[in-house]
C-alpha atoms as a PDB file:
ATOM      1  CA  MET A   1      -5.883  -1.610 -17.346  1.00  0.00           C
ATOM      2  CA  PRO A   2      -5.689  -1.462 -13.432  1.00  0.00           C
ATOM      3  CA  THR A   3      -6.457   1.559 -11.675  1.00  0.00           C
ATOM      4  CA  GLU A   4      -3.360   1.607  -9.284  1.00  0.00           C
ATOM      5  CA  VAL A   5       0.445  -0.334 -10.203  1.00  0.00           C
ATOM      6  CA  ARG A   6       2.991  -1.077  -7.288  1.00  0.00           C
ATOM      7  CA  ALA A   7       5.687   1.342  -7.334  1.00  0.00           C
ATOM      8  CA  GLY A   8       7.415  -0.374  -4.174  1.00  0.00           C
ATOM      9  CA  ARG A   9       7.222  -1.691  -0.573  1.00  0.00           C
ATOM     10  CA  VAL A  10       8.196   0.411   2.434  1.00  0.00           C
ATOM     11  CA  GLY A  11      11.166  -0.759   4.021  1.00  0.00           C
ATOM     12  CA  ARG A  12      13.244   0.164   7.197  1.00  0.00           C
ATOM     13  CA  PRO A  13      12.883   3.583   8.467  1.00  0.00           C
ATOM     14  CA  HIS A  14      15.885   6.058   7.743  1.00  0.00           C
ATOM     15  CA  GLY A  15      16.357   8.504  10.112  1.00  0.00           C
ATOM     16  CA  LEU A  16      13.944  10.199  12.959  1.00  0.00           C
ATOM     17  CA  ASP A  17      11.760  12.308  10.593  1.00  0.00           C
ATOM     18  CA  GLY A  18       9.397   9.658   9.207  1.00  0.00           C
ATOM     19  CA  SER A  19      11.272   8.885   5.948  1.00  0.00           C
ATOM     20  CA  VAL A  20      11.379   5.002   4.778  1.00  0.00           C
ATOM     21  CA  HIS A  21      13.561   3.034   2.508  1.00  0.00           C
ATOM     22  CA  VAL A  22      11.503   1.717  -0.358  1.00  0.00           C
ATOM     23  CA  ILE A  23      12.220  -1.897  -1.193  1.00  0.00           C
ATOM     24  CA  GLY A  24      11.460  -2.972  -5.027  1.00  0.00           C
ATOM     25  CA  ALA A  25      10.702   0.737  -5.830  1.00  0.00           C
ATOM     26  CA  VAL A  26      10.055   2.018  -9.639  1.00  0.00           C
ATOM     27  CA  PRO A  27      11.793   4.837  -9.221  1.00  0.00           C
ATOM     28  CA  ALA A  28       9.922   7.119 -12.236  1.00  0.00           C
ATOM     29  CA  LEU A  29       6.658   6.591  -9.898  1.00  0.00           C
ATOM     30  CA  LEU A  30       8.578   7.996  -6.667  1.00  0.00           C
ATOM     31  CA  ARG A  31       9.214  11.739  -7.524  1.00  0.00           C
ATOM     32  CA  GLU A  32       8.904  14.311  -4.868  1.00  0.00           C
ATOM     33  CA  GLY A  33       4.981  15.565  -4.964  1.00  0.00           C
ATOM     34  CA  ALA A  34       3.808  12.376  -6.314  1.00  0.00           C
ATOM     35  CA  VAL A  35       0.625  10.735  -4.863  1.00  0.00           C
ATOM     36  CA  VAL A  36       0.726   7.145  -3.782  1.00  0.00           C
ATOM     37  CA  SER A  37      -1.723   5.111  -1.818  1.00  0.00           C
ATOM     38  CA  VAL A  38      -0.497   3.180   1.340  1.00  0.00           C
ATOM     39  CA  ASP A  39      -2.869   1.241   3.267  1.00  0.00           C
ATOM     40  CA  GLY A  40      -5.663   2.767   1.444  1.00  0.00           C
ATOM     41  CA  ARG A  41      -5.051   6.229   1.847  1.00  0.00           C
ATOM     42  CA  SER A  42      -3.377   8.775  -0.458  1.00  0.00           C
ATOM     43  CA  VAL A  43      -0.447  10.417   0.809  1.00  0.00           C
ATOM     44  CA  GLU A  44       1.992  12.565  -1.030  1.00  0.00           C
ATOM     45  CA  ILE A  45       5.828  12.122  -1.254  1.00  0.00           C
ATOM     46  CA  VAL A  46       7.211  15.414   0.244  1.00  0.00           C
ATOM     47  CA  ARG A  47      10.782  13.953   0.048  1.00  0.00           C
ATOM     48  CA  ARG A  48      13.037  12.218  -2.156  1.00  0.00           C
ATOM     49  CA  ALA A  49      16.373  11.141  -1.300  1.00  0.00           C
ATOM     50  CA  GLY A  50      18.936   7.956  -2.000  1.00  0.00           C
ATOM     51  CA  THR A  51      19.365   6.657  -5.331  1.00  0.00           C
ATOM     52  CA  ASP A  52      17.046   4.911  -8.059  1.00  0.00           C
ATOM     53  CA  ALA A  53      18.266   1.460  -6.458  1.00  0.00           C
ATOM     54  CA  ARG A  54      17.887   2.639  -2.967  1.00  0.00           C
ATOM     55  CA  PRO A  55      15.339   5.198  -2.835  1.00  0.00           C
ATOM     56  CA  ILE A  56      14.265   7.070   0.296  1.00  0.00           C
ATOM     57  CA  VAL A  57      11.105   8.620   0.694  1.00  0.00           C
ATOM     58  CA  ARG A  58       9.149  10.584   3.238  1.00  0.00           C
ATOM     59  CA  LEU A  59       5.496  10.397   3.001  1.00  0.00           C
ATOM     60  CA  ALA A  60       3.099  13.465   4.530  1.00  0.00           C
ATOM     61  CA  GLY A  61       1.810  12.763   7.613  1.00  0.00           C
ATOM     62  CA  VAL A  62       4.148  10.152   8.543  1.00  0.00           C
ATOM     63  CA  GLU A  63       5.823  11.771  11.260  1.00  0.00           C
ATOM     64  CA  GLY A  64       8.769  10.270  13.368  1.00  0.00           C
ATOM     65  CA  ARG A  65      10.465   6.561  13.223  1.00  0.00           C
ATOM     66  CA  GLU A  66       8.007   4.855  15.020  1.00  0.00           C
ATOM     67  CA  ALA A  67       4.859   6.048  12.354  1.00  0.00           C
ATOM     68  CA  ALA A  68       7.275   4.724   9.710  1.00  0.00           C
ATOM     69  CA  GLU A  69       7.989   1.562  11.309  1.00  0.00           C
ATOM     70  CA  ALA A  70       4.261   1.096  11.308  1.00  0.00           C
ATOM     71  CA  LEU A  71       4.292   1.290   7.603  1.00  0.00           C
ATOM     72  CA  ARG A  72       7.066  -1.482   7.218  1.00  0.00           C
ATOM     73  CA  GLY A  73       6.148  -3.938   4.514  1.00  0.00           C
ATOM     74  CA  ARG A  74       3.120  -2.162   2.790  1.00  0.00           C
ATOM     75  CA  GLU A  75       2.820  -1.822  -0.701  1.00  0.00           C
ATOM     76  CA  LEU A  76       3.008   1.839  -2.148  1.00  0.00           C
ATOM     77  CA  LEU A  77       0.770   2.159  -5.156  1.00  0.00           C
ATOM     78  CA  ALA A  78       0.707   4.842  -7.823  1.00  0.00           C
ATOM     79  CA  PRO A  79      -2.210   5.720 -10.189  1.00  0.00           C
ATOM     80  CA  ALA A  80      -1.279   3.435 -13.422  1.00  0.00           C
ATOM     81  CA  VAL A  81      -1.868   6.684 -15.576  1.00  0.00           C
ATOM     82  CA  GLU A  82       1.355   7.626 -14.541  1.00  0.00           C
ATOM     83  CA  VAL A  83       2.719   4.609 -16.083  1.00  0.00           C
ATOM     84  CA  GLU A  84       3.546   4.883 -19.895  1.00  0.00           C
ATOM     85  CA  LEU A  85       3.945   1.256 -21.728  1.00  0.00           C
ATOM     86  CA  GLU A  86       6.129   0.699 -24.487  1.00  0.00           C
ATOM     87  CA  GLU A  87       4.797  -0.905 -27.849  1.00  0.00           C
ATOM     88  CA  ASP A  88       5.386  -4.139 -26.642  1.00  0.00           C
ATOM     89  CA  GLU A  89       4.382  -3.859 -22.816  1.00  0.00           C
ATOM     90  CA  TRP A  90       1.016  -4.923 -21.289  1.00  0.00           C
ATOM     91  CA  TRP A  91      -0.663  -4.962 -18.088  1.00  0.00           C
ATOM     92  CA  ILE A  92      -1.042  -8.526 -16.680  1.00  0.00           C
ATOM     93  CA  GLU A  93      -4.846  -7.971 -16.080  1.00  0.00           C
ATOM     94  CA  ASP A  94      -5.465  -7.293 -19.538  1.00  0.00           C
ATOM     95  CA  LEU A  95      -3.334 -10.562 -20.829  1.00  0.00           C
ATOM     96  CA  GLU A  96      -5.362 -12.787 -18.268  1.00  0.00           C
ATOM     97  CA  GLY A  97      -8.726 -13.898 -20.155  1.00  0.00           C
ATOM     98  CA  CYS A  98      -7.176 -13.508 -23.803  1.00  0.00           C
ATOM     99  CA  THR A  99      -7.986 -16.540 -25.976  1.00  0.00           C
ATOM    100  CA  VAL A 100      -4.916 -17.797 -27.378  1.00  0.00           C
ATOM    101  CA  TRP A 101      -4.421 -18.892 -31.087  1.00  0.00           C
ATOM    102  CA  ASP A 102      -2.063 -20.487 -33.326  1.00  0.00           C
ATOM    103  CA  GLY A 103      -3.481 -18.751 -36.812  1.00  0.00           C
ATOM    104  CA  ALA A 104      -6.885 -20.361 -36.937  1.00  0.00           C
ATOM    105  CA  VAL A 105      -6.486 -22.853 -34.489  1.00  0.00           C
ATOM    106  CA  GLU A 106      -7.419 -21.974 -30.904  1.00  0.00           C
ATOM    107  CA  VAL A 107      -5.444 -23.107 -27.849  1.00  0.00           C
ATOM    108  CA  GLY A 108      -6.714 -21.928 -24.804  1.00  0.00           C
ATOM    109  CA  VAL A 109      -7.357 -18.980 -22.784  1.00  0.00           C
ATOM    110  CA  VAL A 110      -4.828 -17.287 -20.342  1.00  0.00           C
ATOM    111  CA  VAL A 111      -6.218 -17.970 -16.631  1.00  0.00           C
ATOM    112  CA  ARG A 112      -3.002 -16.027 -15.272  1.00  0.00           C
ATOM    113  CA  VAL A 113       0.659 -14.754 -16.329  1.00  0.00           C
ATOM    114  CA  ARG A 114       3.725 -16.156 -13.629  1.00  0.00           C
ATOM    115  CA  PRO A 115       6.529 -13.860 -13.425  1.00  0.00           C
ATOM    116  CA  MET A 116       9.715 -15.712 -13.707  1.00  0.00           C
ATOM    117  CA  PRO A 117      13.292 -14.724 -13.742  1.00  0.00           C
ATOM    118  CA  SER A 118      13.901 -14.501 -17.220  1.00  0.00           C
ATOM    119  CA  CYS A 119      10.805 -13.641 -18.451  1.00  0.00           C
ATOM    120  CA  GLU A 120       6.843 -14.011 -17.728  1.00  0.00           C
ATOM    121  CA  LEU A 121       4.836 -17.154 -18.522  1.00  0.00           C
ATOM    122  CA  LEU A 122       1.181 -17.031 -20.159  1.00  0.00           C
ATOM    123  CA  GLU A 123      -0.516 -20.373 -18.383  1.00  0.00           C
ATOM    124  CA  VAL A 124      -3.068 -21.073 -20.875  1.00  0.00           C
ATOM    125  CA  ARG A 125      -5.797 -23.248 -19.945  1.00  0.00           C
ATOM    126  CA  ARG A 126      -6.845 -25.765 -23.058  1.00  0.00           C
ATOM    127  CA  PRO A 127     -10.109 -26.914 -23.635  1.00  0.00           C
ATOM    128  CA  ASP A 128      -9.306 -30.265 -22.384  1.00  0.00           C
ATOM    129  CA  ALA A 129      -8.181 -28.468 -19.229  1.00  0.00           C
ATOM    130  CA  SER A 130      -4.592 -29.319 -19.680  1.00  0.00           C
ATOM    131  CA  GLU A 131      -1.762 -26.550 -19.262  1.00  0.00           C
ATOM    132  CA  LEU A 132       0.502 -24.898 -21.776  1.00  0.00           C
ATOM    133  CA  LEU A 133       2.988 -22.381 -20.595  1.00  0.00           C
ATOM    134  CA  VAL A 134       4.072 -19.896 -23.291  1.00  0.00           C
ATOM    135  CA  PRO A 135       7.031 -17.573 -22.696  1.00  0.00           C
ATOM    136  CA  LEU A 136       6.192 -14.266 -23.227  1.00  0.00           C
ATOM    137  CA  VAL A 137       9.088 -13.908 -25.922  1.00  0.00           C
ATOM    138  CA  ARG A 138       8.715 -12.585 -29.370  1.00  0.00           C
ATOM    139  CA  ASP A 139      10.028 -16.312 -31.075  1.00  0.00           C
ATOM    140  CA  ALA A 140       6.675 -17.689 -29.081  1.00  0.00           C
ATOM    141  CA  VAL A 141       4.411 -14.787 -29.265  1.00  0.00           C
ATOM    142  CA  ARG A 142       3.567 -13.555 -32.646  1.00  0.00           C
ATOM    143  CA  THR A 143       1.241 -10.778 -31.861  1.00  0.00           C
ATOM    144  CA  VAL A 144      -0.913  -9.306 -28.817  1.00  0.00           C
ATOM    145  CA  ASP A 145      -4.277  -7.718 -29.576  1.00  0.00           C
ATOM    146  CA  VAL A 146      -5.617  -6.952 -26.176  1.00  0.00           C
ATOM    147  CA  ALA A 147      -8.704  -5.037 -27.558  1.00  0.00           C
ATOM    148  CA  ALA A 148      -9.540  -8.088 -29.283  1.00  0.00           C
ATOM    149  CA  LYS A 149      -8.500 -10.341 -26.489  1.00  0.00           C
ATOM    150  CA  ARG A 150      -6.529 -12.299 -28.621  1.00  0.00           C
ATOM    151  CA  ILE A 151      -2.773 -13.660 -28.173  1.00  0.00           C
ATOM    152  CA  ASP A 152      -1.489 -15.471 -31.697  1.00  0.00           C
ATOM    153  CA  VAL A 153       1.541 -17.878 -30.598  1.00  0.00           C
ATOM    154  CA  ASP A 154       3.833 -20.285 -32.764  1.00  0.00           C
ATOM    155  CA  LEU A 155       2.780 -23.659 -31.229  1.00  0.00           C
ATOM    156  CA  GLN A 156       5.775 -25.209 -33.643  1.00  0.00           C
ATOM    157  CA  PHE A 157       8.461 -23.047 -31.590  1.00  0.00           C
ATOM    158  CA  LEU A 158       6.800 -24.290 -28.355  1.00  0.00           C
ATOM    159  CA  GLY A 159       7.404 -27.984 -29.355  1.00  0.00           C
ATOM    160  CA  GLU A 160       4.168 -28.709 -30.484  1.00  0.00           C
ATOM    161  CA  GLU A 161       2.206 -29.473 -33.657  1.00  0.00           C
ATOM    162  CA  PRO A 162      -1.387 -27.415 -34.175  1.00  0.00           C
ATOM    163  CA  SER A 163      -4.406 -29.605 -34.368  1.00  0.00           C
END
Protein backbone atom coordinates (compact mmCIF):
# COMPACT_ATOMS: atom_id res chain seq x y z
CA MET A 1 0.00 0.00 0.00
CA PRO A 2 1.37 3.43 -0.87
CA THR A 3 1.81 5.98 1.91
CA GLU A 4 0.34 8.84 -0.15
CA VAL A 5 -2.17 9.05 -2.96
CA ARG A 6 -2.85 11.77 -5.50
CA ALA A 7 -5.62 14.11 -4.37
CA GLY A 8 -5.30 16.41 -7.39
CA ARG A 9 -3.01 18.95 -8.99
CA VAL A 10 -2.77 22.66 -8.23
CA GLY A 11 -4.38 24.68 -11.01
CA ARG A 12 -4.69 28.39 -11.56
CA PRO A 13 -5.08 30.81 -8.65
CA HIS A 14 -8.58 31.86 -7.60
CA GLY A 15 -8.82 35.38 -6.27
CA LEU A 16 -6.14 37.22 -4.33
CA ASP A 17 -5.95 35.29 -1.03
CA GLY A 18 -3.87 32.30 -2.22
CA SER A 19 -6.77 29.99 -3.10
CA VAL A 20 -6.30 27.66 -6.07
CA HIS A 21 -8.41 25.55 -8.39
CA VAL A 22 -7.66 21.82 -8.17
CA ILE A 23 -7.40 19.80 -11.38
CA GLY A 24 -8.17 16.07 -11.45
CA ALA A 25 -9.43 16.28 -7.88
CA VAL A 26 -10.47 13.47 -5.59
CA PRO A 27 -13.07 15.51 -3.68
CA ALA A 28 -13.22 13.27 -0.59
CA LEU A 29 -9.52 13.94 0.05
CA LEU A 30 -9.87 17.73 -0.21
CA ARG A 31 -12.04 18.56 2.76
CA GLU A 32 -11.45 21.56 5.00
CA GLY A 33 -9.07 20.63 7.82
CA ALA A 34 -7.41 17.79 5.87
CA VAL A 35 -3.63 17.74 5.67
CA VAL A 36 -2.09 17.29 2.23
CA SER A 37 1.47 17.28 0.97
CA VAL A 38 2.64 19.67 -1.73
CA ASP A 39 6.25 20.07 -2.78
CA GLY A 40 7.33 17.75 0.04
CA ARG A 41 5.75 19.74 2.86
CA SER A 42 2.56 19.08 4.77
CA VAL A 43 -0.08 21.79 4.73
CA GLU A 44 -3.62 22.04 6.01
CA ILE A 45 -6.57 22.89 3.79
CA VAL A 46 -7.97 25.94 5.57
CA ARG A 47 -10.77 26.67 3.09
CA ARG A 48 -12.72 24.51 0.63
CA ALA A 49 -15.09 26.04 -1.90
CA GLY A 50 -16.33 25.36 -5.41
CA THR A 51 -17.91 22.06 -6.42
CA ASP A 52 -16.69 18.47 -6.37
CA ALA A 53 -16.12 18.77 -10.13
CA ARG A 54 -14.21 22.07 -9.76
CA PRO A 55 -12.95 22.41 -6.18
CA ILE A 56 -11.14 25.47 -4.89
CA VAL A 57 -8.87 25.16 -1.86
CA ARG A 58 -6.77 27.49 0.22
CA LEU A 59 -3.67 25.98 1.81
CA ALA A 60 -2.22 27.21 5.10
CA GLY A 61 0.84 29.37 4.51
CA VAL A 62 0.00 30.16 0.89
CA GLU A 63 -0.60 33.89 1.08
CA GLY A 64 -1.54 35.78 -2.06
CA ARG A 65 -1.93 35.17 -5.75
CA GLU A 66 1.83 35.00 -6.47
CA ALA A 67 2.38 32.26 -3.87
CA ALA A 68 -0.57 30.33 -5.34
CA GLU A 69 0.82 30.73 -8.87
CA ALA A 70 4.19 29.34 -7.69
CA LEU A 71 2.45 26.04 -6.80
CA ARG A 72 0.68 25.71 -10.14
CA GLY A 73 1.10 22.21 -11.61
CA ARG A 74 2.28 20.64 -8.33
CA GLU A 75 0.71 17.41 -7.07
CA LEU A 76 -1.46 17.44 -3.96
CA LEU A 77 -0.91 14.19 -2.06
CA ALA A 78 -3.05 12.86 0.77
CA PRO A 79 -2.25 10.11 3.27
CA ALA A 80 -3.35 6.76 1.82
CA VAL A 81 -5.01 5.85 5.12
CA GLU A 82 -7.69 8.44 4.21
CA VAL A 83 -8.81 6.23 1.32
CA GLU A 84 -11.09 3.24 1.83
CA LEU A 85 -10.93 0.77 -1.03
CA GLU A 86 -14.00 -1.13 -2.14
CA GLU A 87 -13.97 -4.94 -2.24
CA ASP A 88 -12.85 -5.07 -5.90
CA GLU A 89 -10.29 -2.23 -5.71
CA TRP A 90 -6.54 -2.48 -5.24
CA TRP A 91 -3.53 -0.20 -5.14
CA ILE A 92 -1.56 -0.28 -8.38
CA GLU A 93 1.62 -0.79 -6.37
CA ASP A 94 0.11 -3.93 -4.85
CA LEU A 95 -0.71 -5.45 -8.26
CA GLU A 96 2.73 -4.85 -9.75
CA GLY A 97 4.94 -7.86 -9.07
CA CYS A 98 2.04 -10.30 -8.70
CA THR A 99 2.36 -13.65 -10.44
CA VAL A 100 -0.40 -14.26 -12.98
CA TRP A 101 -1.92 -17.72 -13.35
CA ASP A 102 -4.65 -19.42 -15.34
CA GLY A 103 -5.64 -22.08 -12.84
CA ALA A 104 -2.48 -24.16 -12.34
CA VAL A 105 -0.67 -22.68 -15.37
CA GLU A 106 1.75 -19.84 -14.64
CA VAL A 107 1.33 -17.03 -17.19
CA GLY A 108 3.85 -14.41 -16.04
CA VAL A 109 4.37 -11.43 -13.74
CA VAL A 110 2.63 -8.04 -13.70
CA VAL A 111 5.31 -5.46 -14.55
CA ARG A 112 3.01 -2.46 -14.56
CA VAL A 113 -0.58 -1.30 -14.72
CA ARG A 114 -1.54 0.85 -17.71
CA PRO A 115 -4.41 3.29 -17.27
CA MET A 116 -6.72 3.29 -20.28
CA PRO A 117 -9.98 5.16 -20.93
CA SER A 118 -12.26 2.16 -20.35
CA CYS A 119 -10.28 0.20 -17.73
CA GLU A 120 -6.78 -0.49 -16.49
CA LEU A 121 -4.62 -3.09 -18.23
CA LEU A 122 -2.24 -5.44 -16.47
CA GLU A 123 1.00 -5.61 -18.45
CA VAL A 124 2.17 -9.17 -17.91
CA ARG A 125 5.72 -10.24 -18.80
CA ARG A 126 5.73 -13.91 -19.75
CA PRO A 127 8.65 -16.29 -19.08
CA ASP A 128 9.64 -16.05 -22.79
CA ALA A 129 9.80 -12.21 -22.37
CA SER A 130 6.68 -11.63 -24.50
CA GLU A 131 3.94 -9.35 -23.25
CA LEU A 132 0.30 -10.09 -22.46
CA LEU A 133 -2.17 -7.29 -21.77
CA VAL A 134 -5.00 -8.26 -19.44
CA PRO A 135 -7.95 -5.87 -18.98
CA LEU A 136 -8.80 -5.48 -15.32
CA VAL A 137 -12.42 -6.62 -15.78
CA ARG A 138 -14.36 -9.48 -14.15
CA ASP A 139 -14.50 -11.61 -17.31
CA ALA A 140 -10.70 -11.57 -17.70
CA VAL A 141 -9.63 -11.60 -14.04
CA ARG A 142 -11.11 -14.33 -11.87
CA THR A 143 -9.43 -13.47 -8.56
CA VAL A 144 -6.84 -11.15 -7.07
CA ASP A 145 -5.04 -12.17 -3.88
CA VAL A 146 -2.72 -9.29 -3.03
CA ALA A 147 -1.45 -10.99 0.14
CA ALA A 148 -0.36 -14.05 -1.86
CA LYS A 149 0.80 -11.85 -4.80
CA ARG A 150 -1.36 -14.00 -7.12
CA ILE A 151 -3.81 -13.04 -9.87
CA ASP A 152 -5.89 -15.71 -11.63
CA VAL A 153 -6.97 -14.88 -15.19
CA ASP A 154 -9.03 -16.57 -17.90
CA LEU A 155 -6.77 -17.02 -20.94
CA GLN A 156 -9.68 -18.38 -23.01
CA PHE A 157 -11.55 -15.12 -22.49
CA LEU A 158 -8.41 -13.34 -23.69
CA GLY A 159 -8.45 -15.44 -26.87
CA GLU A 160 -5.61 -17.76 -25.86
CA GLU A 161 -5.29 -21.37 -24.89
CA PRO A 162 -3.43 -22.17 -21.67
CA SER A 163 -0.27 -24.17 -22.37
